[in-house]
Amino acid sequence: MLNIDLSNQGLSINGQIWNFPIPIQTFCSSLGTYRKVTTAYQHNYLWDDEGLVAHSKNDDFIENITLCLNTGEYNHQPKSAFSGQVSFCQQPLIDFYKAHPEQRVALYVGDDKQSLITKNISVSISLRYSYICFESYQAPEIPLPLKLDTGFEYYSTLWENWLYAIQSYIPSYNRFYNLSYGIQQHDIDEQQSLFEGKLPLSLINFYKVHNVYWDAVTSVFQFHVNGWGYDLLPFSRLYEIWENIMDLHEEFDSEEYSSCLEDYDVKVKAIGYSNPSWIPFAEGRNGDYLVIDLDPNETGKVGQIVELQNEAWSRIVFFDSLEQLLKSTIQQLNTGNDTRYEWIQSNKDDD
């Protein structure tokens, strides 16, 4: 039976310390009789009685070690489930994992934060898919933030206040806490090139402080407007969403739909479904968006926030600026009884 412990010394298997990458022959000699199965993408070294499989891409070094918690169904899986002892810093691994969600990290953008880290080794745990995987870990390099343009320094404080308000409801280790570091110059150049330089400085400076990565389900970084939640878009998706809106703009730009414009806010200028100078920055995941209006009507303001409702053909101005929207969002959260996170709070994932 194997006794495995991951600590700041490395990965201990029956008292012998290993660090990735691990020479295959040395590892195989240590664990004894094994079975080898080569698949299209890797070489698999299996210890069937132990429920352990080691993977190697080039058949020279082991890149990761997996413990299978159920009996394998395929030839490249161990024939028995892992029945040994596995711990994290001398504490039962599964118990530690469940008791300390704050120590879980994401191994890559969009990861569900199911891993623990020590000594440049990660251990990923999936109770849902019944495995425990050890592999090398290198912390991502976080670039220095860009300097905020003069007149937009307030975004730093607004972001700080927003994060503080959110964390009174949802901890940063939650899988839907999809915060990323601020955009870099190459991100700005790419989007500005696509938008032909139309992106407003207010939006650029907002994303300089922090960005988000896209989550397929939801996000804690959301705005509640007119009874609906709008998730903040990653900066890299702004043009993609704008193009989607423009496709609908061209499709519904005819006299046949002129009556639909009657309920548009008098502050907006639109000759059809939308206005090409509306820049989306938050999605309702139902075809609705929050957009920054760079071409308002005479009674409107440049930079005003418009709710674009798809099916209802509603275009209403709710805020004069992104700054005003952020302040309102923070105030909503600071009441202490905001309900926008009820679904996230009820979907705690111990996997």
Foldseek 3Di string as FASTA:
>chain_A
DWAWEAEQQAIATPRDHDDPFAFPVVVDVVVDDWDWDDDPAWIWTGDQVQQKIFTDRVNTTTFKIKFAQQADPDPSGRRHHHDYFYYYPPHGPLVVLLVCLVQFDAQDQLRQRQWHDHNQKIWGDDPPRGMIMIGGGDDDDADDFDDQDPPQPCLLVLVVLLVVLLCVPPNCSGSQAFKAAADDPVLVVVVCVLLVNLDDSNVNRNRSGIFGDDHPPAHSQWFADPNATWHFDGSNCFSVVLVVQVVVQVVFQDPVCQVLCPQEDQFADDNTLHDSSWTFGTHRVPNKTWTQHQDTDPPAAHAFIWIRDDPSSYTDTDGNHPVRRSVVRSVLSVVVPDCPCVVSVVDDDSD
